[in-house]
Amino acid sequence: MNASVAKKASQAVRLLMMVLTAVLIFFFINVMLLVSDIQGTARVVNYAGLVRGTTQRIVKLEDAGQP
């Protein structure tokens, strides 16, 4: 009887490990997708900063009398 209880416990632990592994994989993929979206947003913000900096430089040069 003791061996049967141990075998059932072992099977329950294996099932729990499989479920938790599947959940972990799901969360990992979800995090990767979120990071990908953030990187796209960061790229847009970076381009906006480059345009702003270039515009400021052009205005400064014009104010200084240089073409």
PDB file of N, CA and C in Angstrom:
ATOM      1  N   MET A   1       0.821  -1.196   0.000  1.00  0.00           N
ATOM      2  CA  MET A   1       0.000   0.000   0.000  1.00  0.00           C
ATOM      3  C   MET A   1       0.863   1.257   0.000  1.00  0.00           C
ATOM      4  N   ASN A   2       1.983   1.203   0.685  1.00  0.00           N
ATOM      5  CA  ASN A   2       2.886   2.339   0.754  1.00  0.00           C
ATOM      6  C   ASN A   2       3.473   2.661  -0.619  1.00  0.00           C
ATOM      7  N   ALA A   3       3.796   1.630  -1.383  1.00  0.00           N
ATOM      8  CA  ALA A   3       4.372   1.827  -2.715  1.00  0.00           C
ATOM      9  C   ALA A   3       3.353   2.458  -3.648  1.00  0.00           C
ATOM     10  N   SER A   4       2.100   2.110  -3.495  1.00  0.00           N
ATOM     11  CA  SER A   4       1.048   2.665  -4.345  1.00  0.00           C
ATOM     12  C   SER A   4       0.844   4.156  -4.063  1.00  0.00           C
ATOM     13  N   VAL A   5       0.900   4.538  -2.804  1.00  0.00           N
ATOM     14  CA  VAL A   5       0.764   5.957  -2.434  1.00  0.00           C
ATOM     15  C   VAL A   5       1.955   6.743  -2.963  1.00  0.00           C
ATOM     16  N   ALA A   6       3.140   6.185  -2.837  1.00  0.00           N
ATOM     17  CA  ALA A   6       4.344   6.857  -3.327  1.00  0.00           C
ATOM     18  C   ALA A   6       4.291   7.020  -4.842  1.00  0.00           C
ATOM     19  N   LYS A   7       3.775   6.000  -5.543  1.00  0.00           N
ATOM     20  CA  LYS A   7       3.685   6.078  -7.002  1.00  0.00           C
ATOM     21  C   LYS A   7       2.682   7.159  -7.425  1.00  0.00           C
ATOM     22  N   LYS A   8       1.568   7.247  -6.727  1.00  0.00           N
ATOM     23  CA  LYS A   8       0.569   8.280  -7.041  1.00  0.00           C
ATOM     24  C   LYS A   8       1.118   9.668  -6.757  1.00  0.00           C
ATOM     25  N   ALA A   9       1.857   9.801  -5.666  1.00  0.00           N
ATOM     26  CA  ALA A   9       2.461  11.087  -5.331  1.00  0.00           C
ATOM     27  C   ALA A   9       3.484  11.486  -6.388  1.00  0.00           C
ATOM     28  N   SER A  10       4.259  10.507  -6.846  1.00  0.00           N
ATOM     29  CA  SER A  10       5.259  10.779  -7.874  1.00  0.00           C
ATOM     30  C   SER A  10       4.586  11.226  -9.174  1.00  0.00           C
ATOM     31  N   GLN A  11       3.495  10.573  -9.528  1.00  0.00           N
ATOM     32  CA  GLN A  11       2.765  10.961 -10.740  1.00  0.00           C
ATOM     33  C   GLN A  11       2.161  12.356 -10.598  1.00  0.00           C
ATOM     34  N   ALA A  12       1.658  12.672  -9.401  1.00  0.00           N
ATOM     35  CA  ALA A  12       1.077  13.999  -9.164  1.00  0.00           C
ATOM     36  C   ALA A  12       2.148  15.078  -9.282  1.00  0.00           C
ATOM     37  N   VAL A  13       3.325  14.792  -8.745  1.00  0.00           N
ATOM     38  CA  VAL A  13       4.429  15.761  -8.828  1.00  0.00           C
ATOM     39  C   VAL A  13       4.848  15.961 -10.279  1.00  0.00           C
ATOM     40  N   ARG A  14       4.930  14.882 -11.041  1.00  0.00           N
ATOM     41  CA  ARG A  14       5.293  15.004 -12.462  1.00  0.00           C
ATOM     42  C   ARG A  14       4.254  15.813 -13.227  1.00  0.00           C
ATOM     43  N   LEU A  15       2.981  15.573 -12.954  1.00  0.00           N
ATOM     44  CA  LEU A  15       1.920  16.328 -13.617  1.00  0.00           C
ATOM     45  C   LEU A  15       2.014  17.806 -13.262  1.00  0.00           C
ATOM     46  N   LEU A  16       2.240  18.095 -11.983  1.00  0.00           N
ATOM     47  CA  LEU A  16       2.381  19.484 -11.550  1.00  0.00           C
ATOM     48  C   LEU A  16       3.582  20.145 -12.229  1.00  0.00           C
ATOM     49  N   MET A  17       4.679  19.424 -12.350  1.00  0.00           N
ATOM     50  CA  MET A  17       5.866  19.970 -13.017  1.00  0.00           C
ATOM     51  C   MET A  17       5.579  20.264 -14.491  1.00  0.00           C
ATOM     52  N   MET A  18       4.829  19.397 -15.147  1.00  0.00           N
ATOM     53  CA  MET A  18       4.497  19.612 -16.554  1.00  0.00           C
ATOM     54  C   MET A  18       3.616  20.854 -16.711  1.00  0.00           C
ATOM     55  N   VAL A  19       2.631  20.991 -15.823  1.00  0.00           N
ATOM     56  CA  VAL A  19       1.742  22.156 -15.897  1.00  0.00           C
ATOM     57  C   VAL A  19       2.524  23.438 -15.634  1.00  0.00           C
ATOM     58  N   LEU A  20       3.361  23.431 -14.613  1.00  0.00           N
ATOM     59  CA  LEU A  20       4.153  24.625 -14.299  1.00  0.00           C
ATOM     60  C   LEU A  20       5.141  24.960 -15.413  1.00  0.00           C
ATOM     61  N   THR A  21       5.702  23.950 -16.057  1.00  0.00           N
ATOM     62  CA  THR A  21       6.611  24.187 -17.179  1.00  0.00           C
ATOM     63  C   THR A  21       5.861  24.837 -18.344  1.00  0.00           C
ATOM     64  N   ALA A  22       4.645  24.365 -18.613  1.00  0.00           N
ATOM     65  CA  ALA A  22       3.838  24.950 -19.681  1.00  0.00           C
ATOM     66  C   ALA A  22       3.497  26.403 -19.367  1.00  0.00           C
ATOM     67  N   VAL A  23       3.162  26.683 -18.109  1.00  0.00           N
ATOM     68  CA  VAL A  23       2.859  28.062 -17.700  1.00  0.00           C
ATOM     69  C   VAL A  23       4.106  28.938 -17.853  1.00  0.00           C
ATOM     70  N   LEU A  24       5.251  28.413 -17.459  1.00  0.00           N
ATOM     71  CA  LEU A  24       6.501  29.166 -17.581  1.00  0.00           C
ATOM     72  C   LEU A  24       6.806  29.488 -19.040  1.00  0.00           C
ATOM     73  N   ILE A  25       6.617  28.533 -19.925  1.00  0.00           N
ATOM     74  CA  ILE A  25       6.854  28.763 -21.351  1.00  0.00           C
ATOM     75  C   ILE A  25       5.909  29.832 -21.877  1.00  0.00           C
ATOM     76  N   PHE A  26       4.633  29.762 -21.457  1.00  0.00           N
ATOM     77  CA  PHE A  26       3.662  30.766 -21.880  1.00  0.00           C
ATOM     78  C   PHE A  26       4.082  32.160 -21.429  1.00  0.00           C
ATOM     79  N   PHE A  27       4.485  32.295 -20.164  1.00  0.00           N
ATOM     80  CA  PHE A  27       4.899  33.601 -19.662  1.00  0.00           C
ATOM     81  C   PHE A  27       6.172  34.093 -20.352  1.00  0.00           C
ATOM     82  N   PHE A  28       7.090  33.201 -20.648  1.00  0.00           N
ATOM     83  CA  PHE A  28       8.327  33.578 -21.327  1.00  0.00           C
ATOM     84  C   PHE A  28       8.025  34.154 -22.709  1.00  0.00           C
ATOM     85  N   ILE A  29       7.155  33.483 -23.454  1.00  0.00           N
ATOM     86  CA  ILE A  29       6.784  33.969 -24.782  1.00  0.00           C
ATOM     87  C   ILE A  29       6.070  35.311 -24.671  1.00  0.00           C
ATOM     88  N   ASN A  30       5.197  35.432 -23.678  1.00  0.00           N
ATOM     89  CA  ASN A  30       4.468  36.683 -23.478  1.00  0.00           C
ATOM     90  C   ASN A  30       5.427  37.841 -23.173  1.00  0.00           C
ATOM     91  N   VAL A  31       6.419  37.601 -22.333  1.00  0.00           N
ATOM     92  CA  VAL A  31       7.402  38.637 -22.000  1.00  0.00           C
ATOM     93  C   VAL A  31       8.208  39.027 -23.236  1.00  0.00           C
ATOM     94  N   MET A  32       8.587  38.044 -24.044  1.00  0.00           N
ATOM     95  CA  MET A  32       9.334  38.343 -25.265  1.00  0.00           C
ATOM     96  C   MET A  32       8.520  39.228 -26.209  1.00  0.00           C
ATOM     97  N   LEU A  33       7.232  38.957 -26.327  1.00  0.00           N
ATOM     98  CA  LEU A  33       6.374  39.784 -27.183  1.00  0.00           C
ATOM     99  C   LEU A  33       6.256  41.200 -26.624  1.00  0.00           C
ATOM    100  N   LEU A  34       6.134  41.330 -25.310  1.00  0.00           N
ATOM    101  CA  LEU A  34       6.047  42.659 -24.697  1.00  0.00           C
ATOM    102  C   LEU A  34       7.340  43.444 -24.906  1.00  0.00           C
ATOM    103  N   VAL A  35       8.472  42.789 -24.755  1.00  0.00           N
ATOM    104  CA  VAL A  35       9.765  43.461 -24.972  1.00  0.00           C
ATOM    105  C   VAL A  35       9.888  43.898 -26.425  1.00  0.00           C
ATOM    106  N   SER A  36       9.417  43.080 -27.336  1.00  0.00           N
ATOM    107  CA  SER A  36       9.459  43.442 -28.753  1.00  0.00           C
ATOM    108  C   SER A  36       8.639  44.703 -29.018  1.00  0.00           C
ATOM    109  N   ASP A  37       7.456  44.789 -28.405  1.00  0.00           N
ATOM    110  CA  ASP A  37       6.631  45.995 -28.563  1.00  0.00           C
ATOM    111  C   ASP A  37       7.318  47.219 -27.974  1.00  0.00           C
ATOM    112  N   ILE A  38       7.961  47.043 -26.832  1.00  0.00           N
ATOM    113  CA  ILE A  38       8.649  48.165 -26.187  1.00  0.00           C
ATOM    114  C   ILE A  38       9.799  48.651 -27.059  1.00  0.00           C
ATOM    115  N   GLN A  39      10.520  47.733 -27.675  1.00  0.00           N
ATOM    116  CA  GLN A  39      11.640  48.122 -28.530  1.00  0.00           C
ATOM    117  C   GLN A  39      11.153  48.913 -29.735  1.00  0.00           C
ATOM    118  N   GLY A  40       9.994  48.552 -30.287  1.00  0.00           N
ATOM    119  CA  GLY A  40       9.437  49.314 -31.401  1.00  0.00           C
ATOM    120  C   GLY A  40       9.101  50.732 -30.984  1.00  0.00           C
ATOM    121  N   THR A  41       8.526  50.873 -29.794  1.00  0.00           N
ATOM    122  CA  THR A  41       8.195  52.199 -29.274  1.00  0.00           C
ATOM    123  C   THR A  41       9.463  52.993 -29.010  1.00  0.00           C
ATOM    124  N   ALA A  42      10.463  52.353 -28.456  1.00  0.00           N
ATOM    125  CA  ALA A  42      11.722  53.037 -28.163  1.00  0.00           C
ATOM    126  C   ALA A  42      12.376  53.532 -29.444  1.00  0.00           C
ATOM    127  N   ARG A  43      12.255  52.779 -30.511  1.00  0.00           N
ATOM    128  CA  ARG A  43      12.838  53.183 -31.785  1.00  0.00           C
ATOM    129  C   ARG A  43      12.178  54.466 -32.287  1.00  0.00           C
ATOM    130  N   VAL A  44      10.863  54.543 -32.165  1.00  0.00           N
ATOM    131  CA  VAL A  44      10.142  55.743 -32.594  1.00  0.00           C
ATOM    132  C   VAL A  44      10.559  56.944 -31.754  1.00  0.00           C
ATOM    133  N   VAL A  45      10.666  56.744 -30.446  1.00  0.00           N
ATOM    134  CA  VAL A  45      11.076  57.835 -29.560  1.00  0.00           C
ATOM    135  C   VAL A  45      12.498  58.271 -29.898  1.00  0.00           C
ATOM    136  N   ASN A  46      13.368  57.336 -30.211  1.00  0.00           N
ATOM    137  CA  ASN A  46      14.742  57.672 -30.560  1.00  0.00           C
ATOM    138  C   ASN A  46      14.784  58.496 -31.849  1.00  0.00           C
ATOM    139  N   TYR A  47      14.001  58.101 -32.853  1.00  0.00           N
ATOM    140  CA  TYR A  47      13.967  58.870 -34.095  1.00  0.00           C
ATOM    141  C   TYR A  47      13.433  60.275 -33.849  1.00  0.00           C
ATOM    142  N   ALA A  48      12.419  60.397 -32.996  1.00  0.00           N
ATOM    143  CA  ALA A  48      11.871  61.721 -32.685  1.00  0.00           C
ATOM    144  C   ALA A  48      12.940  62.586 -32.022  1.00  0.00           C
ATOM    145  N   GLY A  49      13.748  62.001 -31.157  1.00  0.00           N
ATOM    146  CA  GLY A  49      14.834  62.743 -30.510  1.00  0.00           C
ATOM    147  C   GLY A  49      15.892  63.177 -31.507  1.00  0.00           C
ATOM    148  N   LEU A  50      16.198  62.318 -32.465  1.00  0.00           N
ATOM    149  CA  LEU A  50      17.184  62.698 -33.495  1.00  0.00           C
ATOM    150  C   LEU A  50      16.675  63.860 -34.330  1.00  0.00           C
ATOM    151  N   VAL A  51      15.402  63.814 -34.701  1.00  0.00           N
ATOM    152  CA  VAL A  51      14.823  64.903 -35.498  1.00  0.00           C
ATOM    153  C   VAL A  51      14.826  66.196 -34.697  1.00  0.00           C
ATOM    154  N   ARG A  52      14.467  66.105 -33.421  1.00  0.00           N
ATOM    155  CA  ARG A  52      14.446  67.300 -32.558  1.00  0.00           C
ATOM    156  C   ARG A  52      15.841  67.905 -32.438  1.00  0.00           C
ATOM    157  N   GLY A  53      16.845  67.056 -32.203  1.00  0.00           N
ATOM    158  CA  GLY A  53      18.214  67.556 -32.058  1.00  0.00           C
ATOM    159  C   GLY A  53      18.727  68.194 -33.336  1.00  0.00           C
ATOM    160  N   THR A  54      18.432  67.589 -34.463  1.00  0.00           N
ATOM    161  CA  THR A  54      18.867  68.144 -35.743  1.00  0.00           C
ATOM    162  C   THR A  54      18.179  69.476 -36.016  1.00  0.00           C
ATOM    163  N   THR A  55      16.898  69.545 -35.698  1.00  0.00           N
ATOM    164  CA  THR A  55      16.162  70.799 -35.892  1.00  0.00           C
ATOM    165  C   THR A  55      16.747  71.906 -35.029  1.00  0.00           C
ATOM    166  N   GLN A  56      17.060  71.588 -33.772  1.00  0.00           N
ATOM    167  CA  GLN A  56      17.658  72.597 -32.895  1.00  0.00           C
ATOM    168  C   GLN A  56      19.003  73.070 -33.445  1.00  0.00           C
ATOM    169  N   ARG A  57      19.779  72.152 -33.986  1.00  0.00           N
ATOM    170  CA  ARG A  57      21.086  72.524 -34.546  1.00  0.00           C
ATOM    171  C   ARG A  57      20.918  73.457 -35.741  1.00  0.00           C
ATOM    172  N   ILE A  58      19.955  73.141 -36.600  1.00  0.00           N
ATOM    173  CA  ILE A  58      19.702  73.988 -37.774  1.00  0.00           C
ATOM    174  C   ILE A  58      19.286  75.387 -37.339  1.00  0.00           C
ATOM    175  N   VAL A  59      18.408  75.469 -36.356  1.00  0.00           N
ATOM    176  CA  VAL A  59      17.944  76.776 -35.875  1.00  0.00           C
ATOM    177  C   VAL A  59      19.102  77.570 -35.279  1.00  0.00           C
ATOM    178  N   LYS A  60      19.961  76.918 -34.491  1.00  0.00           N
ATOM    179  CA  LYS A  60      21.105  77.603 -33.908  1.00  0.00           C
ATOM    180  C   LYS A  60      22.050  78.137 -34.977  1.00  0.00           C
ATOM    181  N   LEU A  61      22.299  77.315 -36.000  1.00  0.00           N
ATOM    182  CA  LEU A  61      23.188  77.763 -37.073  1.00  0.00           C
ATOM    183  C   LEU A  61      22.585  78.941 -37.827  1.00  0.00           C
ATOM    184  N   GLU A  62      21.282  78.902 -38.059  1.00  0.00           N
ATOM    185  CA  GLU A  62      20.614  80.014 -38.747  1.00  0.00           C
ATOM    186  C   GLU A  62      20.681  81.276 -37.907  1.00  0.00           C
ATOM    187  N   ASP A  63      20.475  81.131 -36.578  1.00  0.00           N
ATOM    188  CA  ASP A  63      20.559  82.296 -35.691  1.00  0.00           C
ATOM    189  C   ASP A  63      21.958  82.888 -35.662  1.00  0.00           C
ATOM    190  N   ALA A  64      22.966  82.029 -35.843  1.00  0.00           N
ATOM    191  CA  ALA A  64      24.345  82.495 -35.822  1.00  0.00           C
ATOM    192  C   ALA A  64      24.754  83.083 -37.166  1.00  0.00           C
ATOM    193  N   GLY A  65      23.859  83.030 -38.148  1.00  0.00           N
ATOM    194  CA  GLY A  65      24.157  83.619 -39.440  1.00  0.00           C
ATOM    195  C   GLY A  65      24.853  82.671 -40.388  1.00  0.00           C
ATOM    196  N   GLN A  66      24.901  81.420 -40.073  1.00  0.00           N
ATOM    197  CA  GLN A  66      25.518  80.453 -40.967  1.00  0.00           C
ATOM    198  C   GLN A  66      24.427  79.688 -41.707  1.00  0.00           C
ATOM    199  N   PRO A  67      24.633  79.432 -42.981  1.00  0.00           N
ATOM    200  CA  PRO A  67      23.603  78.723 -43.745  1.00  0.00           C
ATOM    201  C   PRO A  67      23.496  77.254 -43.329  1.00  0.00           C
TER     202      PRO A  67
END
